[in-house]
Amino acid sequence: MKNKLIYLVYMFLSKLPDIYMLSIWFNNITKLRAKFLNLLPNMKIANNVKIYTNVKISRNSNLILDQNVCIKENCVIGGNIEVGKNTNILGYTKIDGSGKVIIGRDTHIGRDNDIFSHYHDISKKEILVNKSKEIFQDTVIGNNVMLFSRVGIMGGVTIYDNASIAYGSVVTKDCEANMIYAGIPAKKIGERK
C-alpha cells in the first residue's frame, strides 16, 4: 500500500509543469520527482538526477539512475534499466527493459529513440507472429555514446564506447567502439578520431 501511494505521488508530480522561467521551481520539481521514485524498493536514484514532466516509469521497474542523469519530457521507461552518470535521455524516448538495458556514463540519447531488450522469433512461418516466442537479451549502450534522434536499437545489441549512431538508423547488430554508424540496418560509415 505504501509503495502504491509513493508511486501515485510520483505520477501526480510527473504531471506538474516544468516552469523554466522560475529556476528555483524548475530545479526543485525535477529533483523532487527523482526523490519520490527513490522511495520505492526497486529504484536506486542517485543525487542530482532530474526527471522532467510527464515521464512515465513503470512502477514495477528495476531502475538504477547514477548521478546527474537527466530524463527529459514524455519518455516512457519500464523494466530492468541501469543508466550511468552524466547521461542525458531526451524527450519522447522509449526504453523497454523487458530483458535488461544498460546505458553507460556520459552518453547522449537523442529525441524519440526506441531501445528494446527483446525481440520476437518469427523465423518459423508456421507459427503465427502474435504467438511467436519472445527472446529476452541484454542491450548495452557503452560510455560516451551518441545516439542521434529517431534511432531504433533492437534487443541483444551492444554499442561499444565512443560510438555514434546517425539520425533515423536501426541498429540490429553490435557496433564497434569509436565508429560512426548510419542507415537501416545501421552500417559503419566512418570513425571518430
Protein backbone atom coordinates (compact mmCIF):
# COMPACT_ATOMS: atom_id res chain seq x y z
CA MET A 1 0.00 0.00 0.00
CA LYS A 2 2.84 2.39 0.92
CA ASN A 3 4.61 1.74 -2.41
CA LYS A 4 1.38 2.34 -4.32
CA LEU A 5 0.93 5.68 -2.55
CA ILE A 6 4.51 6.72 -3.30
CA TYR A 7 4.01 5.83 -6.96
CA LEU A 8 0.74 7.80 -7.09
CA VAL A 9 2.50 10.86 -5.67
CA TYR A 10 5.22 10.44 -8.33
CA MET A 11 2.54 10.25 -11.05
CA PHE A 12 1.00 13.48 -9.70
CA LEU A 13 4.41 15.17 -9.66
CA SER A 14 5.12 13.97 -13.20
CA LYS A 15 2.09 15.91 -14.44
CA LEU A 16 3.19 19.20 -12.87
CA PRO A 17 4.63 21.56 -15.47
CA ASP A 18 8.32 22.38 -15.66
CA ILE A 19 8.26 26.16 -15.46
CA TYR A 20 11.60 27.12 -17.00
CA MET A 21 11.29 30.82 -16.13
CA LEU A 22 11.17 30.04 -12.43
CA SER A 23 14.54 28.35 -11.98
CA ILE A 24 14.02 27.53 -8.30
CA TRP A 25 10.72 25.74 -9.08
CA PHE A 26 12.21 24.00 -12.12
CA ASN A 27 15.29 22.65 -10.31
CA ASN A 28 13.29 21.54 -7.31
CA ILE A 29 10.43 19.79 -9.14
CA THR A 30 12.73 17.84 -11.49
CA LYS A 31 14.76 16.60 -8.49
CA LEU A 32 11.69 16.01 -6.31
CA ARG A 33 10.30 13.53 -8.86
CA ALA A 34 13.55 11.54 -8.63
CA LYS A 35 13.50 11.60 -4.83
CA PHE A 36 9.98 10.13 -4.75
CA LEU A 37 10.97 7.34 -7.12
CA ASN A 38 13.93 6.58 -4.86
CA LEU A 39 11.46 5.74 -2.06
CA LEU A 40 10.32 2.66 -3.99
CA PRO A 41 12.26 -0.50 -3.04
CA ASN A 42 13.16 -1.43 -6.65
CA MET A 43 14.52 2.00 -7.59
CA LYS A 44 18.01 3.35 -6.85
CA ILE A 45 18.22 7.00 -7.80
CA ALA A 46 21.48 8.88 -7.08
CA ASN A 47 21.90 12.56 -6.23
CA ASN A 48 21.17 15.33 -8.69
CA VAL A 49 19.01 13.22 -11.03
CA LYS A 50 16.46 15.30 -12.98
CA ILE A 51 13.21 13.88 -14.31
CA TYR A 52 11.18 16.28 -16.43
CA THR A 53 7.41 16.49 -16.86
CA ASN A 54 5.24 13.57 -17.98
CA VAL A 55 7.95 10.87 -17.80
CA LYS A 56 6.21 7.53 -17.43
CA ILE A 57 8.16 4.97 -15.43
CA SER A 58 6.59 1.59 -14.80
CA ARG A 59 6.03 1.07 -11.08
CA ASN A 60 7.47 -2.45 -11.23
CA SER A 61 10.67 -1.36 -12.98
CA ASN A 62 14.07 -2.15 -11.53
CA LEU A 63 15.63 1.22 -12.21
CA ILE A 64 19.15 2.42 -11.33
CA LEU A 65 19.99 6.03 -12.23
CA ASP A 66 23.50 7.25 -11.37
CA GLN A 67 24.46 10.85 -10.54
CA ASN A 68 23.44 13.71 -12.82
CA VAL A 69 21.23 11.61 -15.10
CA CYS A 70 18.68 13.76 -16.89
CA ILE A 71 15.47 12.29 -18.39
CA LYS A 72 13.57 14.83 -20.48
CA GLU A 73 9.82 15.17 -21.04
CA ASN A 74 7.43 12.44 -22.23
CA CYS A 75 9.83 9.48 -22.03
CA VAL A 76 8.43 6.00 -21.35
CA ILE A 77 10.66 3.69 -19.32
CA GLY A 78 9.98 0.21 -17.99
CA GLY A 79 11.75 -3.00 -16.99
CA ASN A 80 15.33 -3.60 -15.83
CA ILE A 81 17.31 -0.48 -16.65
CA GLU A 82 20.65 0.94 -15.48
CA VAL A 83 21.85 4.38 -16.56
CA GLY A 84 25.38 5.67 -15.86
CA LYS A 85 26.28 9.10 -14.52
CA ASN A 86 26.04 12.28 -16.60
CA THR A 87 23.82 10.63 -19.21
CA ASN A 88 21.04 12.59 -20.94
CA ILE A 89 17.91 10.94 -22.32
CA LEU A 90 15.97 13.40 -24.43
CA GLY A 91 12.20 13.65 -24.83
CA TYR A 92 9.85 11.04 -26.26
CA THR A 93 12.40 8.22 -25.94
CA LYS A 94 11.07 4.76 -25.08
CA ILE A 95 13.21 2.22 -23.22
CA ASP A 96 11.84 -1.31 -22.90
CA GLY A 97 13.90 -3.22 -20.37
CA SER A 98 11.95 -6.48 -20.62
CA GLY A 99 15.35 -8.20 -20.72
CA LYS A 100 17.79 -5.60 -19.42
CA VAL A 101 19.08 -2.29 -20.77
CA ILE A 102 22.42 -0.92 -19.57
CA ILE A 103 23.42 2.59 -20.64
CA GLY A 104 26.93 3.81 -19.76
CA ARG A 105 28.13 7.13 -18.44
CA ASP A 106 28.38 10.43 -20.36
CA THR A 107 26.06 9.10 -23.07
CA HIS A 108 23.58 11.16 -25.09
CA ILE A 109 20.29 9.55 -26.13
CA GLY A 110 18.58 11.87 -28.63
CA ARG A 111 14.87 12.57 -29.01
CA ASP A 112 12.29 9.94 -29.93
CA ASN A 113 14.51 6.85 -29.77
CA ASP A 114 13.28 3.27 -29.22
CA ILE A 115 15.52 0.95 -27.21
CA PHE A 116 14.49 -2.70 -26.79
CA SER A 117 15.92 -5.65 -24.89
CA HIS A 118 13.81 -8.33 -26.52
CA TYR A 119 12.56 -9.45 -29.91
CA HIS A 120 10.10 -11.97 -31.35
CA ASP A 121 11.41 -15.10 -33.06
CA ILE A 122 9.46 -15.02 -36.34
CA SER A 123 11.76 -17.41 -38.21
CA LYS A 124 9.16 -20.22 -38.49
CA LYS A 125 6.33 -19.33 -40.84
CA GLU A 126 4.02 -22.00 -39.38
CA ILE A 127 3.93 -20.07 -36.06
CA LEU A 128 1.66 -17.04 -36.07
CA VAL A 129 3.64 -13.88 -35.37
CA ASN A 130 1.44 -12.95 -32.42
CA LYS A 131 2.19 -16.40 -30.94
CA SER A 132 5.93 -16.20 -31.61
CA LYS A 133 8.40 -16.73 -28.80
CA GLU A 134 9.84 -13.64 -27.14
CA ILE A 135 13.62 -13.70 -26.75
CA PHE A 136 14.96 -11.56 -23.91
CA GLN A 137 18.57 -10.34 -24.17
CA ASP A 138 20.61 -7.59 -22.58
CA THR A 139 21.02 -4.45 -24.64
CA VAL A 140 24.17 -2.49 -23.76
CA ILE A 141 25.00 1.07 -24.77
CA GLY A 142 28.54 1.98 -23.70
CA ASN A 143 30.18 5.11 -22.31
CA ASN A 144 30.28 8.36 -24.27
CA VAL A 145 27.95 7.04 -26.97
CA MET A 146 25.94 9.45 -29.13
CA LEU A 147 22.53 8.31 -30.37
CA PHE A 148 21.01 10.99 -32.55
CA SER A 149 17.21 11.22 -32.82
CA ARG A 150 14.78 8.56 -34.03
CA VAL A 151 17.20 5.67 -33.65
CA GLY A 152 15.92 2.14 -33.09
CA ILE A 153 18.04 -0.26 -31.03
CA MET A 154 16.98 -3.91 -31.27
CA GLY A 155 17.26 -6.38 -28.40
CA GLY A 156 20.59 -8.06 -27.69
CA VAL A 157 22.73 -5.37 -29.32
CA THR A 158 25.91 -3.90 -27.79
CA ILE A 159 27.05 -0.44 -28.82
CA TYR A 160 30.62 -0.08 -27.60
CA ASP A 161 32.23 3.05 -26.08
CA ASN A 162 32.53 6.27 -28.08
CA ALA A 163 30.36 5.03 -30.97
CA SER A 164 27.95 7.37 -32.73
CA ILE A 165 24.65 6.36 -34.38
CA ALA A 166 23.19 8.70 -37.03
CA TYR A 167 19.65 10.06 -37.18
CA GLY A 168 16.98 7.54 -38.18
CA SER A 169 19.21 4.46 -38.02
CA VAL A 170 18.09 0.99 -36.90
CA VAL A 171 20.78 -0.92 -35.02
CA THR A 172 20.38 -4.69 -35.43
CA LYS A 173 23.98 -5.79 -34.74
CA ASP A 174 26.79 -4.81 -32.39
CA CYS A 175 28.58 -1.52 -33.10
CA GLU A 176 32.35 -1.21 -32.65
CA ALA A 177 33.97 1.35 -30.35
CA ASN A 178 34.90 4.75 -31.84
CA MET A 179 32.93 4.15 -35.05
CA ILE A 180 30.06 6.03 -36.73
CA TYR A 181 27.03 4.08 -37.97
CA ALA A 182 24.09 5.07 -40.15
CA GLY A 183 21.24 3.52 -42.10
CA ILE A 184 18.64 0.77 -41.97
CA PRO A 185 20.13 -1.53 -40.89
CA ALA A 186 22.95 0.56 -39.41
CA LYS A 187 26.31 0.09 -41.13
CA LYS A 188 29.72 1.52 -40.32
CA ILE A 189 30.32 4.72 -42.31
CA GLY A 190 33.24 6.33 -40.50
CA GLU A 191 35.44 6.62 -37.47
CA ARG A 192 35.54 9.10 -34.60
CA LYS A 193 39.10 10.40 -34.34
